[in-house]
Amino acid sequence: MRAAYGTVWGIFLGAVYPAIPGRGFAARGVAFSLLPSVYTLFVVYPVLLGLGFLGVRQGFLTFPLVLVGYAVAGMAAAWVISWGGETDLAPVSAPLVE
């Protein structure tokens, strides 16, 4: 189920990548990472898992670790998508950047 969850967010990032504000892949990846972070902290942890608001029952570092983890994943995914606009070797992601 976690793989499907990540796949859905990745496909959504690819679809909305051109509309995300920011200069460069890092800024766009971090800006996009706020969506899954908010969803995880405000829906998954308190509602689905019963771990309290922002996952406080997991520990006090849950909040910053979720933000940093999703930011790193968002930057990596945005880098792969932006790579398609920089080279002819990436025909799959090239249409997403144009």
PDB file of N, CA and C in Angstrom:
ATOM      1  N   MET A   1       0.825  -1.200   0.000  1.00  0.00           N
ATOM      2  CA  MET A   1       0.000   0.000   0.000  1.00  0.00           C
ATOM      3  C   MET A   1       0.867   1.261   0.000  1.00  0.00           C
ATOM      4  N   ARG A   2       2.001   1.208   0.698  1.00  0.00           N
ATOM      5  CA  ARG A   2       2.879   2.383   0.734  1.00  0.00           C
ATOM      6  C   ARG A   2       3.471   2.686  -0.635  1.00  0.00           C
ATOM      7  N   ALA A   3       3.766   1.635  -1.390  1.00  0.00           N
ATOM      8  CA  ALA A   3       4.295   1.847  -2.743  1.00  0.00           C
ATOM      9  C   ALA A   3       3.242   2.515  -3.626  1.00  0.00           C
ATOM     10  N   ALA A   4       1.999   2.117  -3.482  1.00  0.00           N
ATOM     11  CA  ALA A   4       0.919   2.727  -4.256  1.00  0.00           C
ATOM     12  C   ALA A   4       0.736   4.185  -3.853  1.00  0.00           C
ATOM     13  N   TYR A   5       0.847   4.469  -2.569  1.00  0.00           N
ATOM     14  CA  TYR A   5       0.726   5.829  -2.052  1.00  0.00           C
ATOM     15  C   TYR A   5       1.806   6.727  -2.674  1.00  0.00           C
ATOM     16  N   GLY A   6       3.043   6.254  -2.687  1.00  0.00           N
ATOM     17  CA  GLY A   6       4.134   7.016  -3.287  1.00  0.00           C
ATOM     18  C   GLY A   6       3.990   7.168  -4.786  1.00  0.00           C
ATOM     19  N   THR A   7       3.482   6.140  -5.427  1.00  0.00           N
ATOM     20  CA  THR A   7       3.281   6.192  -6.871  1.00  0.00           C
ATOM     21  C   THR A   7       2.245   7.238  -7.248  1.00  0.00           C
ATOM     22  N   VAL A   8       1.176   7.295  -6.501  1.00  0.00           N
ATOM     23  CA  VAL A   8       0.126   8.287  -6.781  1.00  0.00           C
ATOM     24  C   VAL A   8       0.671   9.704  -6.627  1.00  0.00           C
ATOM     25  N   TRP A   9       1.432   9.967  -5.546  1.00  0.00           N
ATOM     26  CA  TRP A   9       2.004  11.302  -5.361  1.00  0.00           C
ATOM     27  C   TRP A   9       3.010  11.616  -6.460  1.00  0.00           C
ATOM     28  N   GLY A  10       3.795  10.619  -6.896  1.00  0.00           N
ATOM     29  CA  GLY A  10       4.757  10.839  -7.969  1.00  0.00           C
ATOM     30  C   GLY A  10       4.099  11.172  -9.297  1.00  0.00           C
ATOM     31  N   ILE A  11       3.037  10.458  -9.624  1.00  0.00           N
ATOM     32  CA  ILE A  11       2.302  10.746 -10.858  1.00  0.00           C
ATOM     33  C   ILE A  11       1.661  12.125 -10.792  1.00  0.00           C
ATOM     34  N   PHE A  12       1.129  12.464  -9.632  1.00  0.00           N
ATOM     35  CA  PHE A  12       0.524  13.789  -9.460  1.00  0.00           C
ATOM     36  C   PHE A  12       1.585  14.882  -9.620  1.00  0.00           C
ATOM     37  N   LEU A  13       2.782  14.665  -9.055  1.00  0.00           N
ATOM     38  CA  LEU A  13       3.868  15.631  -9.219  1.00  0.00           C
ATOM     39  C   LEU A  13       4.214  15.800 -10.693  1.00  0.00           C
ATOM     40  N   GLY A  14       4.306  14.701 -11.427  1.00  0.00           N
ATOM     41  CA  GLY A  14       4.615  14.788 -12.849  1.00  0.00           C
ATOM     42  C   GLY A  14       3.564  15.541 -13.630  1.00  0.00           C
ATOM     43  N   ALA A  15       2.312  15.383 -13.233  1.00  0.00           N
ATOM     44  CA  ALA A  15       1.221  16.056 -13.948  1.00  0.00           C
ATOM     45  C   ALA A  15       1.181  17.554 -13.684  1.00  0.00           C
ATOM     46  N   VAL A  16       1.500  17.970 -12.467  1.00  0.00           N
ATOM     47  CA  VAL A  16       1.393  19.394 -12.115  1.00  0.00           C
ATOM     48  C   VAL A  16       2.744  20.107 -12.092  1.00  0.00           C
ATOM     49  N   TYR A  17       3.815  19.415 -12.458  1.00  0.00           N
ATOM     50  CA  TYR A  17       5.167  19.993 -12.371  1.00  0.00           C
ATOM     51  C   TYR A  17       5.292  21.358 -13.053  1.00  0.00           C
ATOM     52  N   PRO A  18       4.792  21.550 -14.270  1.00  0.00           N
ATOM     53  CA  PRO A  18       4.953  22.863 -14.907  1.00  0.00           C
ATOM     54  C   PRO A  18       4.240  24.004 -14.178  1.00  0.00           C
ATOM     55  N   ALA A  19       3.210  23.689 -13.412  1.00  0.00           N
ATOM     56  CA  ALA A  19       2.442  24.730 -12.734  1.00  0.00           C
ATOM     57  C   ALA A  19       2.953  25.041 -11.331  1.00  0.00           C
ATOM     58  N   ILE A  20       3.919  24.281 -10.836  1.00  0.00           N
ATOM     59  CA  ILE A  20       4.425  24.495  -9.480  1.00  0.00           C
ATOM     60  C   ILE A  20       5.328  25.722  -9.469  1.00  0.00           C
ATOM     61  N   PRO A  21       5.101  26.640  -8.529  1.00  0.00           N
ATOM     62  CA  PRO A  21       5.951  27.835  -8.471  1.00  0.00           C
ATOM     63  C   PRO A  21       7.350  27.486  -7.981  1.00  0.00           C
ATOM     64  N   GLY A  22       8.309  28.258  -8.414  1.00  0.00           N
ATOM     65  CA  GLY A  22       9.680  28.063  -7.965  1.00  0.00           C
ATOM     66  C   GLY A  22      10.637  28.041  -9.135  1.00  0.00           C
ATOM     67  N   ARG A  23      11.881  28.390  -8.846  1.00  0.00           N
ATOM     68  CA  ARG A  23      12.917  28.368  -9.874  1.00  0.00           C
ATOM     69  C   ARG A  23      13.800  27.169  -9.615  1.00  0.00           C
ATOM     70  N   GLY A  24      13.905  26.303 -10.559  1.00  0.00           N
ATOM     71  CA  GLY A  24      14.734  25.123 -10.434  1.00  0.00           C
ATOM     72  C   GLY A  24      13.971  23.948  -9.844  1.00  0.00           C
ATOM     73  N   PHE A  25      14.556  22.771 -10.004  1.00  0.00           N
ATOM     74  CA  PHE A  25      13.873  21.561  -9.545  1.00  0.00           C
ATOM     75  C   PHE A  25      13.797  21.478  -8.028  1.00  0.00           C
ATOM     76  N   ALA A  26      14.804  21.997  -7.319  1.00  0.00           N
ATOM     77  CA  ALA A  26      14.809  21.888  -5.854  1.00  0.00           C
ATOM     78  C   ALA A  26      13.656  22.687  -5.247  1.00  0.00           C
ATOM     79  N   ALA A  27      13.455  23.899  -5.698  1.00  0.00           N
ATOM     80  CA  ALA A  27      12.368  24.732  -5.163  1.00  0.00           C
ATOM     81  C   ALA A  27      11.013  24.138  -5.507  1.00  0.00           C
ATOM     82  N   ARG A  28      10.878  23.620  -6.708  1.00  0.00           N
ATOM     83  CA  ARG A  28       9.607  23.012  -7.104  1.00  0.00           C
ATOM     84  C   ARG A  28       9.342  21.731  -6.321  1.00  0.00           C
ATOM     85  N   GLY A  29      10.378  20.943  -6.110  1.00  0.00           N
ATOM     86  CA  GLY A  29      10.220  19.706  -5.341  1.00  0.00           C
ATOM     87  C   GLY A  29       9.821  19.969  -3.905  1.00  0.00           C
ATOM     88  N   VAL A  30      10.444  20.960  -3.286  1.00  0.00           N
ATOM     89  CA  VAL A  30      10.100  21.302  -1.902  1.00  0.00           C
ATOM     90  C   VAL A  30       8.698  21.894  -1.837  1.00  0.00           C
ATOM     91  N   ALA A  31       8.343  22.737  -2.795  1.00  0.00           N
ATOM     92  CA  ALA A  31       6.992  23.316  -2.804  1.00  0.00           C
ATOM     93  C   ALA A  31       5.945  22.216  -2.941  1.00  0.00           C
ATOM     94  N   PHE A  32       6.190  21.256  -3.820  1.00  0.00           N
ATOM     95  CA  PHE A  32       5.234  20.168  -3.976  1.00  0.00           C
ATOM     96  C   PHE A  32       5.185  19.275  -2.751  1.00  0.00           C
ATOM     97  N   SER A  33       6.318  19.091  -2.072  1.00  0.00           N
ATOM     98  CA  SER A  33       6.373  18.185  -0.925  1.00  0.00           C
ATOM     99  C   SER A  33       5.486  18.641   0.223  1.00  0.00           C
ATOM    100  N   LEU A  34       5.063  19.876   0.208  1.00  0.00           N
ATOM    101  CA  LEU A  34       4.173  20.352   1.265  1.00  0.00           C
ATOM    102  C   LEU A  34       2.812  19.658   1.215  1.00  0.00           C
ATOM    103  N   LEU A  35       2.340  19.287   0.021  1.00  0.00           N
ATOM    104  CA  LEU A  35       1.046  18.605  -0.090  1.00  0.00           C
ATOM    105  C   LEU A  35       1.023  17.244   0.600  1.00  0.00           C
ATOM    106  N   PRO A  36       1.941  16.332   0.270  1.00  0.00           N
ATOM    107  CA  PRO A  36       1.906  15.050   0.974  1.00  0.00           C
ATOM    108  C   PRO A  36       2.270  15.176   2.451  1.00  0.00           C
ATOM    109  N   SER A  37       3.087  16.177   2.809  1.00  0.00           N
ATOM    110  CA  SER A  37       3.418  16.388   4.222  1.00  0.00           C
ATOM    111  C   SER A  37       2.183  16.769   5.017  1.00  0.00           C
ATOM    112  N   VAL A  38       1.426  17.714   4.497  1.00  0.00           N
ATOM    113  CA  VAL A  38       0.196  18.148   5.176  1.00  0.00           C
ATOM    114  C   VAL A  38      -0.795  16.999   5.258  1.00  0.00           C
ATOM    115  N   TYR A  39      -0.925  16.242   4.185  1.00  0.00           N
ATOM    116  CA  TYR A  39      -1.835  15.101   4.188  1.00  0.00           C
ATOM    117  C   TYR A  39      -1.426  14.079   5.248  1.00  0.00           C
ATOM    118  N   THR A  40      -0.152  13.777   5.318  1.00  0.00           N
ATOM    119  CA  THR A  40       0.333  12.802   6.294  1.00  0.00           C
ATOM    120  C   THR A  40       0.141  13.299   7.721  1.00  0.00           C
ATOM    121  N   LEU A  41       0.502  14.551   7.981  1.00  0.00           N
ATOM    122  CA  LEU A  41       0.463  15.080   9.342  1.00  0.00           C
ATOM    123  C   LEU A  41      -0.945  15.375   9.842  1.00  0.00           C
ATOM    124  N   PHE A  42      -1.853  15.741   8.939  1.00  0.00           N
ATOM    125  CA  PHE A  42      -3.193  16.138   9.365  1.00  0.00           C
ATOM    126  C   PHE A  42      -4.285  15.117   9.076  1.00  0.00           C
ATOM    127  N   VAL A  43      -4.017  14.126   8.228  1.00  0.00           N
ATOM    128  CA  VAL A  43      -5.034  13.115   7.916  1.00  0.00           C
ATOM    129  C   VAL A  43      -4.564  11.714   8.317  1.00  0.00           C
ATOM    130  N   VAL A  44      -3.412  11.307   7.815  1.00  0.00           N
ATOM    131  CA  VAL A  44      -2.959   9.936   8.049  1.00  0.00           C
ATOM    132  C   VAL A  44      -2.681   9.685   9.523  1.00  0.00           C
ATOM    133  N   TYR A  45      -1.842  10.507  10.141  1.00  0.00           N
ATOM    134  CA  TYR A  45      -1.490  10.263  11.545  1.00  0.00           C
ATOM    135  C   TYR A  45      -2.667  10.408  12.505  1.00  0.00           C
ATOM    136  N   PRO A  46      -3.385  11.522  12.500  1.00  0.00           N
ATOM    137  CA  PRO A  46      -4.459  11.633  13.502  1.00  0.00           C
ATOM    138  C   PRO A  46      -5.712  10.826  13.186  1.00  0.00           C
ATOM    139  N   VAL A  47      -6.110  10.756  11.935  1.00  0.00           N
ATOM    140  CA  VAL A  47      -7.384  10.138  11.589  1.00  0.00           C
ATOM    141  C   VAL A  47      -7.239   8.643  11.312  1.00  0.00           C
ATOM    142  N   LEU A  48      -6.338   8.288  10.414  1.00  0.00           N
ATOM    143  CA  LEU A  48      -6.219   6.896  10.000  1.00  0.00           C
ATOM    144  C   LEU A  48      -5.444   6.030  10.983  1.00  0.00           C
ATOM    145  N   LEU A  49      -4.405   6.581  11.606  1.00  0.00           N
ATOM    146  CA  LEU A  49      -3.569   5.791  12.507  1.00  0.00           C
ATOM    147  C   LEU A  49      -3.797   6.084  13.983  1.00  0.00           C
ATOM    148  N   GLY A  50      -4.520   7.146  14.296  1.00  0.00           N
ATOM    149  CA  GLY A  50      -4.800   7.491  15.692  1.00  0.00           C
ATOM    150  C   GLY A  50      -3.560   7.888  16.479  1.00  0.00           C
ATOM    151  N   LEU A  51      -2.597   8.532  15.821  1.00  0.00           N
ATOM    152  CA  LEU A  51      -1.357   8.919  16.488  1.00  0.00           C
ATOM    153  C   LEU A  51      -1.351  10.368  16.949  1.00  0.00           C
ATOM    154  N   GLY A  52      -2.486  11.016  16.942  1.00  0.00           N
ATOM    155  CA  GLY A  52      -2.586  12.386  17.410  1.00  0.00           C
ATOM    156  C   GLY A  52      -2.227  13.403  16.344  1.00  0.00           C
ATOM    157  N   PHE A  53      -2.542  14.643  16.659  1.00  0.00           N
ATOM    158  CA  PHE A  53      -2.284  15.774  15.776  1.00  0.00           C
ATOM    159  C   PHE A  53      -0.785  15.863  15.482  1.00  0.00           C
ATOM    160  N   LEU A  54      -0.405  15.920  14.224  1.00  0.00           N
ATOM    161  CA  LEU A  54       0.975  15.969  13.748  1.00  0.00           C
ATOM    162  C   LEU A  54       1.782  14.739  14.141  1.00  0.00           C
ATOM    163  N   GLY A  55       1.110  13.673  14.546  1.00  0.00           N
ATOM    164  CA  GLY A  55       1.799  12.442  14.920  1.00  0.00           C
ATOM    165  C   GLY A  55       2.578  12.530  16.212  1.00  0.00           C
ATOM    166  N   VAL A  56       2.106  13.339  17.169  1.00  0.00           N
ATOM    167  CA  VAL A  56       2.861  13.557  18.406  1.00  0.00           C
ATOM    168  C   VAL A  56       3.032  12.294  19.241  1.00  0.00           C
ATOM    169  N   ARG A  57       2.169  11.330  19.093  1.00  0.00           N
ATOM    170  CA  ARG A  57       2.334  10.075  19.837  1.00  0.00           C
ATOM    171  C   ARG A  57       3.508   9.254  19.314  1.00  0.00           C
ATOM    172  N   GLN A  58       3.990   9.579  18.155  1.00  0.00           N
ATOM    173  CA  GLN A  58       5.178   8.926  17.612  1.00  0.00           C
ATOM    174  C   GLN A  58       6.449   9.530  18.196  1.00  0.00           C
ATOM    175  N   GLY A  59       6.373  10.763  18.648  1.00  0.00           N
ATOM    176  CA  GLY A  59       7.537  11.472  19.178  1.00  0.00           C
ATOM    177  C   GLY A  59       7.566  12.894  18.648  1.00  0.00           C
ATOM    178  N   PHE A  60       8.355  13.719  19.317  1.00  0.00           N
ATOM    179  CA  PHE A  60       8.388  15.129  18.957  1.00  0.00           C
ATOM    180  C   PHE A  60       9.142  15.411  17.660  1.00  0.00           C
ATOM    181  N   LEU A  61       9.975  14.480  17.230  1.00  0.00           N
ATOM    182  CA  LEU A  61      10.707  14.688  15.983  1.00  0.00           C
ATOM    183  C   LEU A  61       9.927  14.235  14.750  1.00  0.00           C
ATOM    184  N   THR A  62       8.729  13.728  14.948  1.00  0.00           N
ATOM    185  CA  THR A  62       7.935  13.262  13.813  1.00  0.00           C
ATOM    186  C   THR A  62       7.667  14.385  12.823  1.00  0.00           C
ATOM    187  N   PHE A  63       7.244  15.531  13.328  1.00  0.00           N
ATOM    188  CA  PHE A  63       6.901  16.662  12.469  1.00  0.00           C
ATOM    189  C   PHE A  63       8.077  17.092  11.593  1.00  0.00           C
ATOM    190  N   PRO A  64       9.259  17.411  12.152  1.00  0.00           N
ATOM    191  CA  PRO A  64      10.352  17.829  11.269  1.00  0.00           C
ATOM    192  C   PRO A  64      10.867  16.712  10.367  1.00  0.00           C
ATOM    193  N   LEU A  65      10.847  15.482  10.836  1.00  0.00           N
ATOM    194  CA  LEU A  65      11.325  14.384   9.999  1.00  0.00           C
ATOM    195  C   LEU A  65      10.403  14.131   8.816  1.00  0.00           C
ATOM    196  N   VAL A  66       9.113  14.281   9.005  1.00  0.00           N
ATOM    197  CA  VAL A  66       8.174  14.137   7.892  1.00  0.00           C
ATOM    198  C   VAL A  66       8.424  15.241   6.864  1.00  0.00           C
ATOM    199  N   LEU A  67       8.591  16.469   7.323  1.00  0.00           N
ATOM    200  CA  LEU A  67       8.844  17.577   6.397  1.00  0.00           C
ATOM    201  C   LEU A  67      10.148  17.388   5.624  1.00  0.00           C
ATOM    202  N   VAL A  68      11.210  16.994   6.320  1.00  0.00           N
ATOM    203  CA  VAL A  68      12.509  16.806   5.662  1.00  0.00           C
ATOM    204  C   VAL A  68      12.463  15.606   4.717  1.00  0.00           C
ATOM    205  N   GLY A  69      11.842  14.518   5.158  1.00  0.00           N
ATOM    206  CA  GLY A  69      11.762  13.328   4.310  1.00  0.00           C
ATOM    207  C   GLY A  69      11.012  13.583   3.021  1.00  0.00           C
ATOM    208  N   TYR A  70       9.875  14.245   3.122  1.00  0.00           N
ATOM    209  CA  TYR A  70       9.114  14.549   1.906  1.00  0.00           C
ATOM    210  C   TYR A  70       9.827  15.589   1.043  1.00  0.00           C
ATOM    211  N   ALA A  71      10.553  16.517   1.660  1.00  0.00           N
ATOM    212  CA  ALA A  71      11.298  17.505   0.875  1.00  0.00           C
ATOM    213  C   ALA A  71      12.389  16.823   0.053  1.00  0.00           C
ATOM    214  N   VAL A  72      13.104  15.890   0.664  1.00  0.00           N
ATOM    215  CA  VAL A  72      14.152  15.164  -0.060  1.00  0.00           C
ATOM    216  C   VAL A  72      13.538  14.341  -1.195  1.00  0.00           C
ATOM    217  N   ALA A  73      12.449  13.644  -0.903  1.00  0.00           N
ATOM    218  CA  ALA A  73      11.787  12.842  -1.935  1.00  0.00           C
ATOM    219  C   ALA A  73      11.232  13.731  -3.049  1.00  0.00           C
ATOM    220  N   GLY A  74      10.676  14.877  -2.693  1.00  0.00           N
ATOM    221  CA  GLY A  74      10.153  15.813  -3.693  1.00  0.00           C
ATOM    222  C   GLY A  74      11.247  16.368  -4.585  1.00  0.00           C
ATOM    223  N   MET A  75      12.407  16.689  -3.988  1.00  0.00           N
ATOM    224  CA  MET A  75      13.519  17.191  -4.791  1.00  0.00           C
ATOM    225  C   MET A  75      14.051  16.108  -5.726  1.00  0.00           C
ATOM    226  N   ALA A  76      14.120  14.884  -5.249  1.00  0.00           N
ATOM    227  CA  ALA A  76      14.600  13.791  -6.104  1.00  0.00           C
ATOM    228  C   ALA A  76      13.650  13.561  -7.279  1.00  0.00           C
ATOM    229  N   ALA A  77      12.354  13.536  -7.006  1.00  0.00           N
ATOM    230  CA  ALA A  77      11.377  13.331  -8.076  1.00  0.00           C
ATOM    231  C   ALA A  77      11.382  14.504  -9.055  1.00  0.00           C
ATOM    232  N   ALA A  78      11.473  15.721  -8.537  1.00  0.00           N
ATOM    233  CA  ALA A  78      11.505  16.897  -9.412  1.00  0.00           C
ATOM    234  C   ALA A  78      12.780  16.922 -10.251  1.00  0.00           C
ATOM    235  N   TRP A  79      13.887  16.443  -9.690  1.00  0.00           N
ATOM    236  CA  TRP A  79      15.130  16.384 -10.460  1.00  0.00           C
ATOM    237  C   TRP A  79      14.988  15.425 -11.633  1.00  0.00           C
ATOM    238  N   VAL A  80      14.367  14.291 -11.399  1.00  0.00           N
ATOM    239  CA  VAL A  80      14.173  13.315 -12.478  1.00  0.00           C
ATOM    240  C   VAL A  80      13.275  13.905 -13.563  1.00  0.00           C
ATOM    241  N   ILE A  81      12.222  14.581 -13.164  1.00  0.00           N
ATOM    242  CA  ILE A  81      11.314  15.188 -14.144  1.00  0.00           C
ATOM    243  C   ILE A  81      12.024  16.313 -14.905  1.00  0.00           C
ATOM    244  N   SER A  82      12.774  17.164 -14.203  1.00  0.00           N
ATOM    245  CA  SER A  82      13.453  18.276 -14.876  1.00  0.00           C
ATOM    246  C   SER A  82      14.577  17.789 -15.780  1.00  0.00           C
ATOM    247  N   TRP A  83      15.131  16.633 -15.488  1.00  0.00           N
ATOM    248  CA  TRP A  83      16.195  16.066 -16.302  1.00  0.00           C
ATOM    249  C   TRP A  83      15.731  15.848 -17.737  1.00  0.00           C
ATOM    250  N   GLY A  84      14.459  15.587 -17.923  1.00  0.00           N
ATOM    251  CA  GLY A  84      13.919  15.373 -19.258  1.00  0.00           C
ATOM    252  C   GLY A  84      13.982  16.607 -20.129  1.00  0.00           C
ATOM    253  N   GLY A  85      13.978  17.784 -19.534  1.00  0.00           N
ATOM    254  CA  GLY A  85      14.066  19.008 -20.309  1.00  0.00           C
ATOM    255  C   GLY A  85      15.484  19.405 -20.653  1.00  0.00           C
ATOM    256  N   GLU A  86      16.481  18.753 -20.021  1.00  0.00           N
ATOM    257  CA  GLU A  86      17.869  19.141 -20.215  1.00  0.00           C
ATOM    258  C   GLU A  86      18.619  18.267 -21.212  1.00  0.00           C
ATOM    259  N   THR A  87      18.099  17.094 -21.522  1.00  0.00           N
ATOM    260  CA  THR A  87      18.828  16.174 -22.384  1.00  0.00           C
ATOM    261  C   THR A  87      17.864  15.429 -23.301  1.00  0.00           C
ATOM    262  N   ASP A  88      18.400  14.909 -24.377  1.00  0.00           N
ATOM    263  CA  ASP A  88      17.588  14.117 -25.304  1.00  0.00           C
ATOM    264  C   ASP A  88      17.495  12.662 -24.865  1.00  0.00           C
ATOM    265  N   LEU A  89      18.170  12.302 -23.798  1.00  0.00           N
ATOM    266  CA  LEU A  89      18.193  10.922 -23.329  1.00  0.00           C
ATOM    267  C   LEU A  89      16.991  10.561 -22.461  1.00  0.00           C
ATOM    268  N   ALA A  90      16.109  11.489 -22.218  1.00  0.00           N
ATOM    269  CA  ALA A  90      14.973  11.234 -21.345  1.00  0.00           C
ATOM    270  C   ALA A  90      13.654  11.530 -22.053  1.00  0.00           C
ATOM    271  N   PRO A  91      13.281  10.736 -23.039  1.00  0.00           N
ATOM    272  CA  PRO A  91      12.065  11.028 -23.803  1.00  0.00           C
ATOM    273  C   PRO A  91      10.790  10.866 -22.994  1.00  0.00           C
ATOM    274  N   VAL A  92      10.830  10.106 -21.906  1.00  0.00           N
ATOM    275  CA  VAL A  92       9.618   9.866 -21.133  1.00  0.00           C
ATOM    276  C   VAL A  92       9.190  11.110 -20.370  1.00  0.00           C
ATOM    277  N   SER A  93      10.140  11.792 -19.731  1.00  0.00           N
ATOM    278  CA  SER A  93       9.780  12.946 -18.921  1.00  0.00           C
ATOM    279  C   SER A  93       9.849  14.255 -19.686  1.00  0.00           C
ATOM    280  N   ALA A  94      10.363  14.268 -20.882  1.00  0.00           N
ATOM    281  CA  ALA A  94      10.488  15.514 -21.644  1.00  0.00           C
ATOM    282  C   ALA A  94       9.149  16.213 -21.857  1.00  0.00           C
ATOM    283  N   PRO A  95       8.063  15.514 -22.212  1.00  0.00           N
ATOM    284  CA  PRO A  95       6.787  16.220 -22.408  1.00  0.00           C
ATOM    285  C   PRO A  95       6.255  16.873 -21.122  1.00  0.00           C
ATOM    286  N   LEU A  96       6.640  16.379 -19.962  1.00  0.00           N
ATOM    287  CA  LEU A  96       6.150  16.946 -18.711  1.00  0.00           C
ATOM    288  C   LEU A  96       6.743  18.316 -18.443  1.00  0.00           C
ATOM    289  N   VAL A  97       7.951  18.561 -18.917  1.00  0.00           N
ATOM    290  CA  VAL A  97       8.649  19.802 -18.624  1.00  0.00           C
ATOM    291  C   VAL A  97       8.280  20.900 -19.615  1.00  0.00           C
ATOM    292  N   GLU A  98       7.883  20.525 -20.798  1.00  0.00           N
ATOM    293  CA  GLU A  98       7.577  21.515 -21.833  1.00  0.00           C
ATOM    294  C   GLU A  98       6.315  22.269 -21.583  1.00  0.00           C
TER     295      GLU A  98
END
